[in-house]
Each structure stands twice: as C-alpha cells, then as structure tokens.
C-alpha atoms as a PDB file:
ATOM      1  CA  MET A   1     -30.744 -27.075 -24.581  1.00  0.00           C
ATOM      2  CA  ARG A   2     -30.083 -28.309 -21.253  1.00  0.00           C
ATOM      3  CA  PRO A   3     -32.983 -28.005 -18.785  1.00  0.00           C
ATOM      4  CA  VAL A   4     -32.907 -24.715 -16.236  1.00  0.00           C
ATOM      5  CA  GLN A   5     -33.028 -27.018 -13.141  1.00  0.00           C
ATOM      6  CA  GLU A   6     -29.647 -29.077 -14.279  1.00  0.00           C
ATOM      7  CA  ILE A   7     -27.745 -25.864 -15.341  1.00  0.00           C
ATOM      8  CA  SER A   8     -28.427 -24.211 -11.959  1.00  0.00           C
ATOM      9  CA  GLN A   9     -27.271 -26.910 -10.027  1.00  0.00           C
ATOM     10  CA  TRP A  10     -23.648 -27.547 -11.612  1.00  0.00           C
ATOM     11  CA  PRO A  11     -21.523 -28.993  -9.168  1.00  0.00           C
ATOM     12  CA  LYS A  12     -19.692 -26.438  -7.030  1.00  0.00           C
ATOM     13  CA  VAL A  13     -16.258 -27.676  -8.118  1.00  0.00           C
ATOM     14  CA  SER A  14     -17.409 -26.655 -11.726  1.00  0.00           C
ATOM     15  CA  LYS A  15     -17.977 -22.980 -10.795  1.00  0.00           C
ATOM     16  CA  PHE A  16     -14.559 -22.938  -8.671  1.00  0.00           C
ATOM     17  CA  THR A  17     -12.714 -23.881 -11.568  1.00  0.00           C
ATOM     18  CA  VAL A  18     -14.392 -21.661 -13.996  1.00  0.00           C
ATOM     19  CA  SER A  19     -13.721 -18.520 -11.807  1.00  0.00           C
ATOM     20  CA  ALA A  20     -10.177 -19.645 -11.091  1.00  0.00           C
ATOM     21  CA  CYS A  21      -9.388 -19.853 -14.677  1.00  0.00           C
ATOM     22  CA  ALA A  22     -11.210 -16.577 -15.715  1.00  0.00           C
ATOM     23  CA  ALA A  23      -8.998 -14.860 -13.008  1.00  0.00           C
ATOM     24  CA  SER A  24      -5.691 -16.483 -14.353  1.00  0.00           C
ATOM     25  CA  VAL A  25      -6.340 -14.990 -17.648  1.00  0.00           C
ATOM     26  CA  ALA A  26      -7.117 -11.668 -16.141  1.00  0.00           C
ATOM     27  CA  GLU A  27      -4.015 -11.868 -13.769  1.00  0.00           C
ATOM     28  CA  LEU A  28      -1.340 -12.744 -16.607  1.00  0.00           C
ATOM     29  CA  VAL A  29      -2.618  -9.822 -18.749  1.00  0.00           C
ATOM     30  CA  THR A  30      -2.586  -7.260 -15.959  1.00  0.00           C
ATOM     31  CA  PHE A  31       0.464  -8.455 -14.178  1.00  0.00           C
ATOM     32  CA  PRO A  32       2.864  -5.576 -15.085  1.00  0.00           C
ATOM     33  CA  LEU A  33       0.505  -3.003 -13.668  1.00  0.00           C
ATOM     34  CA  ASP A  34       0.438  -4.912 -10.398  1.00  0.00           C
ATOM     35  CA  LEU A  35       3.986  -4.975  -9.945  1.00  0.00           C
ATOM     36  CA  THR A  36       4.390  -1.282 -10.910  1.00  0.00           C
ATOM     37  CA  LYS A  37       1.470  -0.531  -8.235  1.00  0.00           C
ATOM     38  CA  THR A  38       3.387  -2.651  -5.515  1.00  0.00           C
ATOM     39  CA  ARG A  39       7.076  -0.748  -6.250  1.00  0.00           C
ATOM     40  CA  LEU A  40       5.106   2.633  -6.296  1.00  0.00           C
ATOM     41  CA  GLN A  41       3.723   1.716  -2.794  1.00  0.00           C
ATOM     42  CA  ILE A  42       7.060   0.714  -1.085  1.00  0.00           C
ATOM     43  CA  GLN A  43       8.492   4.294  -2.238  1.00  0.00           C
ATOM     44  CA  GLY A  44       8.907   6.671   0.542  1.00  0.00           C
ATOM     45  CA  GLU A  45       8.704   3.590   3.440  1.00  0.00           C
ATOM     46  CA  TYR A  46      11.067   4.107   6.321  1.00  0.00           C
ATOM     47  CA  ALA A  47      14.401   2.227   5.738  1.00  0.00           C
ATOM     48  CA  PRO A  48      17.640   2.829   8.259  1.00  0.00           C
ATOM     49  CA  GLY A  49      19.984   5.199   6.987  1.00  0.00           C
ATOM     50  CA  LYS A  50      17.666   6.548   4.574  1.00  0.00           C
ATOM     51  CA  LEU A  51      16.226   9.447   6.299  1.00  0.00           C
ATOM     52  CA  SER A  52      16.816  13.378   5.636  1.00  0.00           C
ATOM     53  CA  LYS A  53      17.871  15.821   8.665  1.00  0.00           C
ATOM     54  CA  SER A  54      13.862  16.496   8.979  1.00  0.00           C
ATOM     55  CA  GLY A  55      13.662  12.694   9.907  1.00  0.00           C
ATOM     56  CA  THR A  56      11.661  11.792   7.009  1.00  0.00           C
ATOM     57  CA  ALA A  57      12.170   9.618   4.308  1.00  0.00           C
ATOM     58  CA  ASN A  58      14.935  10.607   1.960  1.00  0.00           C
ATOM     59  CA  THR A  59      13.821   8.480  -1.373  1.00  0.00           C
ATOM     60  CA  VAL A  60      13.410   9.313  -5.050  1.00  0.00           C
ATOM     61  CA  TYR A  61       9.708   9.415  -5.900  1.00  0.00           C
ATOM     62  CA  ARG A  62       9.049   8.248  -9.452  1.00  0.00           C
ATOM     63  CA  GLY A  63       5.372   8.126 -11.231  1.00  0.00           C
ATOM     64  CA  MET A  64       3.812   4.791 -12.983  1.00  0.00           C
ATOM     65  CA  LEU A  65       5.171   5.126 -16.233  1.00  0.00           C
ATOM     66  CA  SER A  66       8.661   6.020 -14.873  1.00  0.00           C
ATOM     67  CA  THR A  67       8.445   2.982 -12.590  1.00  0.00           C
ATOM     68  CA  ALA A  68       7.263   0.871 -15.078  1.00  0.00           C
ATOM     69  CA  VAL A  69      10.020   1.710 -17.507  1.00  0.00           C
ATOM     70  CA  GLY A  70      12.616   1.868 -14.887  1.00  0.00           C
ATOM     71  CA  ILE A  71      11.888  -1.814 -14.350  1.00  0.00           C
ATOM     72  CA  VAL A  72      12.124  -2.832 -17.863  1.00  0.00           C
ATOM     73  CA  ARG A  73      15.745  -0.781 -18.018  1.00  0.00           C
ATOM     74  CA  GLU A  74      17.108  -1.685 -14.814  1.00  0.00           C
ATOM     75  CA  GLU A  75      15.788  -5.392 -14.590  1.00  0.00           C
ATOM     76  CA  GLY A  76      14.761  -6.477 -17.950  1.00  0.00           C
ATOM     77  CA  PRO A  77      11.125  -6.808 -19.329  1.00  0.00           C
ATOM     78  CA  LEU A  78      10.508 -10.242 -18.089  1.00  0.00           C
ATOM     79  CA  LYS A  79      10.859  -8.791 -14.473  1.00  0.00           C
ATOM     80  CA  LEU A  80       7.313  -7.128 -15.234  1.00  0.00           C
ATOM     81  CA  TRP A  81       6.065 -10.523 -14.427  1.00  0.00           C
ATOM     82  CA  GLN A  82       8.091 -11.428 -11.623  1.00  0.00           C
ATOM     83  CA  GLY A  83       5.850 -13.250  -8.858  1.00  0.00           C
ATOM     84  CA  ALA A  84       3.113 -13.945 -11.310  1.00  0.00           C
ATOM     85  CA  THR A  85       3.345 -17.489 -10.383  1.00  0.00           C
ATOM     86  CA  PRO A  86       2.382 -17.115  -6.491  1.00  0.00           C
ATOM     87  CA  ALA A  87      -0.194 -14.527  -8.340  1.00  0.00           C
ATOM     88  CA  ILE A  88      -1.899 -17.393  -9.955  1.00  0.00           C
ATOM     89  CA  TYR A  89      -1.586 -19.781  -6.989  1.00  0.00           C
ATOM     90  CA  ARG A  90      -3.338 -16.675  -4.974  1.00  0.00           C
ATOM     91  CA  HIS A  91      -6.254 -16.615  -7.439  1.00  0.00           C
ATOM     92  CA  ILE A  92      -6.762 -20.032  -7.946  1.00  0.00           C
ATOM     93  CA  VAL A  93      -7.785 -19.925  -4.399  1.00  0.00           C
ATOM     94  CA  TYR A  94      -9.195 -16.484  -3.757  1.00  0.00           C
ATOM     95  CA  SER A  95     -11.137 -15.921  -7.120  1.00  0.00           C
ATOM     96  CA  GLY A  96     -12.139 -19.364  -6.899  1.00  0.00           C
ATOM     97  CA  GLY A  97     -13.283 -19.420  -3.117  1.00  0.00           C
ATOM     98  CA  ARG A  98     -14.993 -15.830  -3.433  1.00  0.00           C
ATOM     99  CA  MET A  99     -17.165 -16.174  -6.517  1.00  0.00           C
ATOM    100  CA  LEU A 100     -18.356 -19.535  -5.264  1.00  0.00           C
ATOM    101  CA  ALA A 101     -18.854 -18.204  -1.805  1.00  0.00           C
ATOM    102  CA  TYR A 102     -20.796 -15.297  -3.119  1.00  0.00           C
ATOM    103  CA  GLU A 103     -23.009 -17.302  -5.518  1.00  0.00           C
ATOM    104  CA  GLN A 104     -24.064 -19.552  -2.703  1.00  0.00           C
ATOM    105  CA  LEU A 105     -24.660 -16.554  -0.270  1.00  0.00           C
ATOM    106  CA  ARG A 106     -26.598 -14.909  -2.884  1.00  0.00           C
ATOM    107  CA  ASP A 107     -28.535 -17.842  -4.090  1.00  0.00           C
ATOM    108  CA  PHE A 108     -29.160 -19.971  -1.016  1.00  0.00           C
ATOM    109  CA  VAL A 109     -28.600 -18.210   2.227  1.00  0.00           C
ATOM    110  CA  LEU A 110     -29.363 -14.572   1.578  1.00  0.00           C
ATOM    111  CA  GLY A 111     -31.983 -15.214  -0.814  1.00  0.00           C
ATOM    112  CA  LYS A 112     -33.401 -13.008  -3.647  1.00  0.00           C
ATOM    113  CA  SER A 113     -36.490 -10.821  -3.526  1.00  0.00           C
ATOM    114  CA  GLU A 114     -39.780 -12.082  -5.162  1.00  0.00           C
ATOM    115  CA  ASP A 115     -38.956 -10.462  -8.240  1.00  0.00           C
ATOM    116  CA  GLY A 116     -35.535 -12.276  -8.974  1.00  0.00           C
ATOM    117  CA  SER A 117     -33.635  -9.000  -7.507  1.00  0.00           C
ATOM    118  CA  PHE A 118     -30.909  -9.003  -5.154  1.00  0.00           C
ATOM    119  CA  PRO A 119     -31.007  -5.982  -2.542  1.00  0.00           C
ATOM    120  CA  LEU A 120     -28.198  -3.972  -2.502  1.00  0.00           C
ATOM    121  CA  TRP A 121     -27.769  -4.345   1.281  1.00  0.00           C
ATOM    122  CA  LYS A 122     -27.690  -8.111   0.984  1.00  0.00           C
ATOM    123  CA  ALA A 123     -25.061  -7.939  -2.330  1.00  0.00           C
ATOM    124  CA  ALA A 124     -22.872  -5.564  -0.034  1.00  0.00           C
ATOM    125  CA  PHE A 125     -22.646  -8.163   3.002  1.00  0.00           C
ATOM    126  CA  GLY A 126     -22.241 -11.346   0.677  1.00  0.00           C
ATOM    127  CA  GLY A 127     -19.345  -9.249  -1.357  1.00  0.00           C
ATOM    128  CA  MET A 128     -17.620  -8.339   1.934  1.00  0.00           C
ATOM    129  CA  VAL A 129     -18.125 -11.944   3.533  1.00  0.00           C
ATOM    130  CA  SER A 130     -16.943 -14.049   0.391  1.00  0.00           C
ATOM    131  CA  GLY A 131     -14.023 -11.374  -0.258  1.00  0.00           C
ATOM    132  CA  ALA A 132     -12.680 -11.773   3.160  1.00  0.00           C
ATOM    133  CA  LEU A 133     -12.976 -15.684   3.281  1.00  0.00           C
ATOM    134  CA  GLY A 134     -11.121 -16.193  -0.033  1.00  0.00           C
ATOM    135  CA  GLN A 135      -8.332 -14.064   0.954  1.00  0.00           C
ATOM    136  CA  PHE A 136      -7.961 -15.463   4.245  1.00  0.00           C
ATOM    137  CA  LEU A 137      -7.509 -18.713   2.445  1.00  0.00           C
ATOM    138  CA  ALA A 138      -5.111 -17.264  -0.206  1.00  0.00           C
ATOM    139  CA  SER A 139      -2.861 -14.964   2.308  1.00  0.00           C
ATOM    140  CA  PRO A 140      -0.198 -17.142   2.166  1.00  0.00           C
ATOM    141  CA  THR A 141       0.381 -16.989  -1.513  1.00  0.00           C
ATOM    142  CA  ASP A 142      -0.122 -13.088  -1.655  1.00  0.00           C
ATOM    143  CA  LEU A 143       2.589 -12.720   0.747  1.00  0.00           C
ATOM    144  CA  VAL A 144       5.068 -14.760  -1.318  1.00  0.00           C
ATOM    145  CA  LYS A 145       3.846 -12.471  -4.335  1.00  0.00           C
ATOM    146  CA  VAL A 146       4.855  -9.334  -2.772  1.00  0.00           C
ATOM    147  CA  GLN A 147       8.139 -10.705  -1.414  1.00  0.00           C
ATOM    148  CA  MET A 148       9.048 -12.037  -4.830  1.00  0.00           C
ATOM    149  CA  GLN A 149       7.885  -8.970  -6.722  1.00  0.00           C
ATOM    150  CA  MET A 150      10.312  -6.839  -4.534  1.00  0.00           C
ATOM    151  CA  GLU A 151      13.628  -9.136  -5.162  1.00  0.00           C
ATOM    152  CA  GLY A 152      14.686  -7.103  -8.345  1.00  0.00           C
ATOM    153  CA  LYS A 153      14.588  -3.650  -6.261  1.00  0.00           C
ATOM    154  CA  ARG A 154      16.543  -5.547  -3.638  1.00  0.00           C
ATOM    155  CA  ARG A 155      19.305  -6.583  -6.059  1.00  0.00           C
ATOM    156  CA  LEU A 156      19.699  -3.027  -7.313  1.00  0.00           C
ATOM    157  CA  GLU A 157      20.007  -1.664  -3.696  1.00  0.00           C
ATOM    158  CA  GLY A 158      23.039  -4.274  -3.545  1.00  0.00           C
ATOM    159  CA  LYS A 159      21.028  -6.415  -0.983  1.00  0.00           C
ATOM    160  CA  PRO A 160      21.093 -10.336  -0.898  1.00  0.00           C
ATOM    161  CA  PRO A 161      17.972 -11.986  -2.529  1.00  0.00           C
ATOM    162  CA  ARG A 162      15.548 -12.865   0.457  1.00  0.00           C
ATOM    163  CA  VAL A 163      14.123 -15.794  -1.643  1.00  0.00           C
ATOM    164  CA  HIS A 164      15.260 -17.531  -4.815  1.00  0.00           C
ATOM    165  CA  GLY A 165      11.483 -19.072  -6.085  1.00  0.00           C
ATOM    166  CA  VAL A 166       7.899 -19.940  -4.892  1.00  0.00           C
ATOM    167  CA  ILE A 167       8.867 -23.012  -3.180  1.00  0.00           C
ATOM    168  CA  HIS A 168      12.042 -21.429  -1.516  1.00  0.00           C
ATOM    169  CA  ALA A 169       9.639 -18.447  -0.280  1.00  0.00           C
ATOM    170  CA  PHE A 170       7.094 -20.547   1.089  1.00  0.00           C
ATOM    171  CA  VAL A 171       9.746 -23.100   2.999  1.00  0.00           C
ATOM    172  CA  LYS A 172      11.972 -19.839   4.197  1.00  0.00           C
ATOM    173  CA  ILE A 173       8.986 -17.976   5.478  1.00  0.00           C
ATOM    174  CA  ALA A 174       7.122 -21.192   7.376  1.00  0.00           C
ATOM    175  CA  LYS A 175      10.704 -22.122   8.946  1.00  0.00           C
ATOM    176  CA  GLU A 176      11.382 -18.633  10.217  1.00  0.00           C
ATOM    177  CA  GLY A 177       8.041 -17.501  11.435  1.00  0.00           C
ATOM    178  CA  GLY A 178       6.259 -20.977  11.479  1.00  0.00           C
ATOM    179  CA  ILE A 179       3.009 -21.618  10.032  1.00  0.00           C
ATOM    180  CA  ARG A 180       1.474 -18.166  11.484  1.00  0.00           C
ATOM    181  CA  GLY A 181       4.125 -16.580   9.453  1.00  0.00           C
ATOM    182  CA  LEU A 182       2.364 -17.671   6.338  1.00  0.00           C
ATOM    183  CA  TRP A 183      -0.179 -15.484   7.330  1.00  0.00           C
ATOM    184  CA  ALA A 184       1.809 -12.188   8.025  1.00  0.00           C
ATOM    185  CA  GLY A 185      -0.158  -9.119   7.058  1.00  0.00           C
ATOM    186  CA  TRP A 186      -3.399 -11.466   6.829  1.00  0.00           C
ATOM    187  CA  VAL A 187      -5.213  -8.567   8.977  1.00  0.00           C
ATOM    188  CA  PRO A 188      -5.003  -5.652   6.310  1.00  0.00           C
ATOM    189  CA  ASN A 189      -5.021  -8.636   3.487  1.00  0.00           C
ATOM    190  CA  VAL A 190      -8.599  -9.388   4.447  1.00  0.00           C
ATOM    191  CA  GLN A 191      -9.870  -5.766   5.240  1.00  0.00           C
ATOM    192  CA  ARG A 192      -8.665  -4.868   1.451  1.00  0.00           C
ATOM    193  CA  ALA A 193     -10.186  -7.978   0.203  1.00  0.00           C
ATOM    194  CA  ALA A 194     -13.611  -7.263   1.929  1.00  0.00           C
ATOM    195  CA  LEU A 195     -13.494  -3.699   0.453  1.00  0.00           C
ATOM    196  CA  VAL A 196     -12.588  -4.741  -2.907  1.00  0.00           C
ATOM    197  CA  ASN A 197     -15.027  -7.147  -3.234  1.00  0.00           C
ATOM    198  CA  LEU A 198     -17.659  -4.767  -1.699  1.00  0.00           C
ATOM    199  CA  GLY A 199     -16.839  -2.694  -4.762  1.00  0.00           C
ATOM    200  CA  ASP A 200     -16.175  -5.513  -7.567  1.00  0.00           C
ATOM    201  CA  LEU A 201     -18.545  -7.924  -6.536  1.00  0.00           C
ATOM    202  CA  THR A 202     -21.553  -5.828  -5.323  1.00  0.00           C
ATOM    203  CA  THR A 203     -21.310  -3.208  -8.190  1.00  0.00           C
ATOM    204  CA  TYR A 204     -20.840  -5.690 -10.632  1.00  0.00           C
ATOM    205  CA  ASP A 205     -23.849  -7.721  -9.827  1.00  0.00           C
ATOM    206  CA  SER A 206     -26.051  -4.636  -9.129  1.00  0.00           C
ATOM    207  CA  VAL A 207     -25.195  -2.724 -12.078  1.00  0.00           C
ATOM    208  CA  LYS A 208     -25.460  -5.767 -14.376  1.00  0.00           C
ATOM    209  CA  HIS A 209     -28.943  -6.557 -13.180  1.00  0.00           C
ATOM    210  CA  PHE A 210     -30.088  -2.792 -13.212  1.00  0.00           C
ATOM    211  CA  LEU A 211     -29.218  -2.787 -16.948  1.00  0.00           C
ATOM    212  CA  LEU A 212     -31.058  -6.042 -17.397  1.00  0.00           C
ATOM    213  CA  ARG A 213     -34.356  -4.926 -15.541  1.00  0.00           C
ATOM    214  CA  ASN A 214     -34.472  -0.951 -16.828  1.00  0.00           C
ATOM    215  CA  THR A 215     -32.634  -1.313 -20.191  1.00  0.00           C
ATOM    216  CA  SER A 216     -32.964  -2.887 -23.700  1.00  0.00           C
ATOM    217  CA  ILE A 217     -29.386  -4.072 -23.011  1.00  0.00           C
ATOM    218  CA  GLY A 218     -29.225  -8.244 -23.340  1.00  0.00           C
ATOM    219  CA  ASP A 219     -27.453 -10.235 -21.133  1.00  0.00           C
ATOM    220  CA  ASN A 220     -24.473  -9.904 -23.558  1.00  0.00           C
ATOM    221  CA  CYS A 221     -20.616  -8.756 -23.741  1.00  0.00           C
ATOM    222  CA  LEU A 222     -21.764  -4.931 -23.808  1.00  0.00           C
ATOM    223  CA  CYS A 223     -23.672  -5.291 -20.631  1.00  0.00           C
ATOM    224  CA  HIS A 224     -20.973  -7.433 -18.777  1.00  0.00           C
ATOM    225  CA  GLY A 225     -18.380  -4.857 -20.318  1.00  0.00           C
ATOM    226  CA  LEU A 226     -20.224  -1.869 -18.505  1.00  0.00           C
ATOM    227  CA  ALA A 227     -20.903  -3.507 -15.470  1.00  0.00           C
ATOM    228  CA  SER A 228     -17.173  -4.558 -15.215  1.00  0.00           C
ATOM    229  CA  THR A 229     -16.251  -0.905 -15.978  1.00  0.00           C
ATOM    230  CA  CYS A 230     -17.868   0.083 -12.972  1.00  0.00           C
ATOM    231  CA  SER A 231     -16.678  -2.531 -10.608  1.00  0.00           C
ATOM    232  CA  GLY A 232     -13.312  -1.974 -11.545  1.00  0.00           C
ATOM    233  CA  LEU A 233     -13.436   1.577 -10.543  1.00  0.00           C
ATOM    234  CA  VAL A 234     -15.238   1.400  -7.537  1.00  0.00           C
ATOM    235  CA  ALA A 235     -13.064  -1.479  -5.958  1.00  0.00           C
ATOM    236  CA  ALA A 236     -10.119   0.715  -6.981  1.00  0.00           C
ATOM    237  CA  MET A 237     -11.205   3.455  -4.916  1.00  0.00           C
ATOM    238  CA  MET A 238     -12.359   1.361  -1.744  1.00  0.00           C
ATOM    239  CA  GLY A 239      -9.263  -0.956  -1.809  1.00  0.00           C
ATOM    240  CA  THR A 240      -6.286   1.373  -2.232  1.00  0.00           C
ATOM    241  CA  PRO A 241      -5.707   2.096   1.162  1.00  0.00           C
ATOM    242  CA  ALA A 242      -5.793  -1.023   2.662  1.00  0.00           C
ATOM    243  CA  ASP A 243      -3.691  -2.370  -0.138  1.00  0.00           C
ATOM    244  CA  VAL A 244      -0.946   0.370   0.490  1.00  0.00           C
ATOM    245  CA  VAL A 245      -1.048  -0.845   4.269  1.00  0.00           C
ATOM    246  CA  LYS A 246      -1.173  -4.750   3.482  1.00  0.00           C
ATOM    247  CA  THR A 247       1.903  -4.091   0.844  1.00  0.00           C
ATOM    248  CA  ARG A 248       4.069  -2.615   3.576  1.00  0.00           C
ATOM    249  CA  ILE A 249       3.331  -4.763   6.279  1.00  0.00           C
ATOM    250  CA  MET A 250       3.912  -7.738   4.082  1.00  0.00           C
ATOM    251  CA  ASN A 251       7.497  -6.290   2.695  1.00  0.00           C
ATOM    252  CA  GLN A 252       8.770  -5.466   6.353  1.00  0.00           C
ATOM    253  CA  PRO A 253      11.857  -7.192   7.339  1.00  0.00           C
ATOM    254  CA  ARG A 254      11.260  -9.435  10.568  1.00  0.00           C
ATOM    255  CA  ASP A 255      13.110 -10.833  13.493  1.00  0.00           C
ATOM    256  CA  SER A 256      13.866 -14.488  14.127  1.00  0.00           C
ATOM    257  CA  ASN A 257      10.297 -14.852  15.588  1.00  0.00           C
ATOM    258  CA  GLY A 258       8.815 -13.718  12.407  1.00  0.00           C
ATOM    259  CA  ARG A 259       7.686 -10.158  14.216  1.00  0.00           C
ATOM    260  CA  GLY A 260       7.749  -7.381  12.110  1.00  0.00           C
ATOM    261  CA  LEU A 261      10.916  -4.759  12.684  1.00  0.00           C
ATOM    262  CA  LEU A 262       8.749  -1.526  11.327  1.00  0.00           C
ATOM    263  CA  TYR A 263       5.308  -1.966  12.044  1.00  0.00           C
ATOM    264  CA  LYS A 264       3.440  -3.669  15.017  1.00  0.00           C
ATOM    265  CA  SER A 265      -0.126  -3.728  13.554  1.00  0.00           C
ATOM    266  CA  SER A 266      -2.105  -2.680  10.415  1.00  0.00           C
ATOM    267  CA  ILE A 267      -3.075   0.383  12.698  1.00  0.00           C
ATOM    268  CA  ASP A 268       0.539   1.276  13.438  1.00  0.00           C
ATOM    269  CA  CYS A 269       1.575   0.998   9.742  1.00  0.00           C
ATOM    270  CA  LEU A 270      -1.235   3.344   8.684  1.00  0.00           C
ATOM    271  CA  VAL A 271      -0.715   5.885  11.298  1.00  0.00           C
ATOM    272  CA  GLN A 272       3.364   5.703  10.594  1.00  0.00           C
ATOM    273  CA  SER A 273       2.782   6.015   7.164  1.00  0.00           C
ATOM    274  CA  VAL A 274       0.384   9.047   7.263  1.00  0.00           C
ATOM    275  CA  ARG A 275       2.380  10.849   9.724  1.00  0.00           C
ATOM    276  CA  ALA A 276       5.501  10.787   7.709  1.00  0.00           C
ATOM    277  CA  GLU A 277       4.236  11.051   4.019  1.00  0.00           C
ATOM    278  CA  GLY A 278       0.656  12.529   4.538  1.00  0.00           C
ATOM    279  CA  LEU A 279      -2.760  11.474   3.963  1.00  0.00           C
ATOM    280  CA  LEU A 280      -2.292  10.937   0.169  1.00  0.00           C
ATOM    281  CA  THR A 281      -0.056   8.278   0.848  1.00  0.00           C
ATOM    282  CA  LEU A 282      -2.764   5.800   1.354  1.00  0.00           C
ATOM    283  CA  TYR A 283      -3.529   6.577  -2.398  1.00  0.00           C
ATOM    284  CA  LYS A 284      -0.394   5.593  -3.449  1.00  0.00           C
ATOM    285  CA  GLY A 285      -0.627   3.647  -6.439  1.00  0.00           C
ATOM    286  CA  PHE A 286      -4.077   4.412  -7.157  1.00  0.00           C
ATOM    287  CA  VAL A 287      -3.539   5.104 -10.896  1.00  0.00           C
ATOM    288  CA  PRO A 288      -1.912   1.845 -11.567  1.00  0.00           C
ATOM    289  CA  THR A 289      -4.318   0.114  -9.360  1.00  0.00           C
ATOM    290  CA  TRP A 290      -7.454   1.750 -11.038  1.00  0.00           C
ATOM    291  CA  LEU A 291      -5.616   0.785 -14.795  1.00  0.00           C
ATOM    292  CA  ARG A 292      -4.933  -2.483 -13.456  1.00  0.00           C
ATOM    293  CA  MET A 293      -8.286  -3.283 -11.760  1.00  0.00           C
ATOM    294  CA  ALA A 294     -10.233  -1.911 -14.996  1.00  0.00           C
ATOM    295  CA  PRO A 295      -8.978  -4.266 -17.480  1.00  0.00           C
ATOM    296  CA  TRP A 296      -8.731  -6.998 -14.770  1.00  0.00           C
ATOM    297  CA  SER A 297     -12.283  -6.506 -14.098  1.00  0.00           C
ATOM    298  CA  MET A 298     -13.244  -6.576 -17.572  1.00  0.00           C
ATOM    299  CA  THR A 299     -11.027  -9.273 -18.517  1.00  0.00           C
ATOM    300  CA  PHE A 300     -12.055 -11.596 -15.718  1.00  0.00           C
ATOM    301  CA  TRP A 301     -15.992 -10.926 -16.176  1.00  0.00           C
ATOM    302  CA  LEU A 302     -16.034 -11.442 -19.582  1.00  0.00           C
ATOM    303  CA  THR A 303     -13.909 -14.583 -19.544  1.00  0.00           C
ATOM    304  CA  PHE A 304     -15.858 -15.940 -16.673  1.00  0.00           C
ATOM    305  CA  GLU A 305     -19.369 -15.160 -18.417  1.00  0.00           C
ATOM    306  CA  GLN A 306     -18.290 -16.779 -21.648  1.00  0.00           C
ATOM    307  CA  ILE A 307     -16.750 -19.823 -19.932  1.00  0.00           C
ATOM    308  CA  ARG A 308     -20.113 -20.233 -18.194  1.00  0.00           C
ATOM    309  CA  ARG A 309     -22.212 -19.896 -21.175  1.00  0.00           C
ATOM    310  CA  ALA A 310     -19.738 -22.039 -23.178  1.00  0.00           C
ATOM    311  CA  VAL A 311     -19.978 -25.282 -20.518  1.00  0.00           C
ATOM    312  CA  GLY A 312     -23.635 -24.827 -19.957  1.00  0.00           C
ATOM    313  CA  ILE A 313     -23.624 -22.899 -16.459  1.00  0.00           C
ATOM    314  CA  SER A 314     -26.368 -20.468 -15.740  1.00  0.00           C
ATOM    315  CA  SER A 315     -25.066 -16.580 -16.443  1.00  0.00           C
ATOM    316  CA  PHE A 316     -23.825 -14.661 -13.082  1.00  0.00           C
END
C-alpha cells in the first residue's frame, strides 16, 4: 500500500492522462446519441429557400429515434460515429483540463472545510471555472466535430462537402477565418461548458461525498453510479439551451472573412431561434442529450475512479 502522502501528490500529468482516457471511453460508447442530438438541434434552422408563406422555417421534424434510424438508413450505420475523431481530440483537451483544474481548485486554491467537506458554493464556482477553461482550450476541436457531424446531412441535400477529414477541416477553417476562426462560437461553447460542469462536477462531487458522510455506502461503484446518475441529469438540464445556440453558431455558413451569415452573436442566435420556433426550441435535443449524458457520465466516472484506484491515485 502506498503512503497517503505519495498518492495525494501524483504528478498533474498523470491525473490529466487518467481523465482523458476515461473521457475517451465514455465518448466512443455514447457518440451516436451526440450525433443524433446535433442533427435534432439543427432542424428548423433558417435556410435560404426553405421558408413557408408565414416566413417560418419549413422543415420536416423527426424525433430522436426517427432521426437515428434515418441516419442509419440514409447514410449507413458507421455514420453514427461521424465526427468521433475530433470528439476524442476534444475530450483529451477538455476533460483532461477541466478535471485537473477542478481538483487543483478544490484541493489547493479554494480549500476544503475543517471536516474535509467541500462547500457547495465552492464546488459550483470550481466547476464553472474549470469547465469554461477546459472548453476554451478545446473549442477548435468542437467546431470541427460539429461540422463533420453535419456532412452526411449536406450530402443528402445535394450540397458539396465542406470538409474531407479532420486535418482538412482544421486547415480549411484556419485558412478561411484565420486562427481566430478556429474559435468561432467559443462564447456559447464556454457558456455551455460552464453550465454543464456546474451540473456535472458540482453534482457528482457533492452527491458522492454526501453519500459517504451520511449513509453506509462506501467509496465503491454503487456510490459512484448514484452520484454520476444525478450529475448527468442536472448537467443536461443546465446545458441544453446553450448547447443549441452553440451548435447553430458553429454550423452556420461563413463569409470570406469568417463572419457568420445567419447570426451575429450568441444572443442574436438565441433571439432568432426563440422568435422563429418558440421557447421550447432551446430544449431541442434534450432527450438524446440526457440519454447521452446519463450513460456518458456513468461510464466516465466509473472508469475514472477505477483507473485512479488501479494506478494508485487517491479517489476523486
């Protein structure tokens, strides 16, 4: 058994690597739901030549299951993982960064109470800051992922492909909009990440340690499973509206200077979407988002905790 002092001071790169590995596993398992969610969020979006007489978007709406089946039937089953490569790249940066940042804030900056607990307000602050930081760094990979996820839909509509692979997507975006173009949509992206991590990290950390302090449940898979179930639900509720805005901004066509042709900002996208489609449009894709976040959160946290235990890092 390793001394507690040695375990608690593992190099930061080890904790980063463990987080990135756990997130990659969770992403691959649940990616088809993320693709379905993205396609649902784009439905109803304004497109030239697709307006009804009333001036609203004239689009055929499909539910979660119908969308997923449609992708398999129209594009092939492997297309459910289209965009998975940049998604893995994203989580290496995003999840590795957010988990490391949160743990550093919790243990060394904000500080725990005398009884070893972490106050809810500190957990909320730490979750939002670490999520925003991790997502800002990973925003270019998220932009590429969203655009690649929409390529199958563009081909079915008879439109030419925008990108032909991950590297081509990065080069094309940087060439058209410069380095700043890689961070297109970063504001709603960071806002979403802050809200999601407020729900995910804060809920998991708080529920887990509440169970450890107030019940007979030990620091085991049951405890981790219950905490991750709660965190997935809260994260989906808080992050879906910002996710809809983020997806639409990232997917919109751009001019030669890299400026969006449909939306001027995240606020403009929010206003246009609500005005054209109603308030509930902000929760488009909520069911697949939740159905994805629940297994994603459980897969991530269980894998994360088990890898930490296997390599000798103290429990989160």
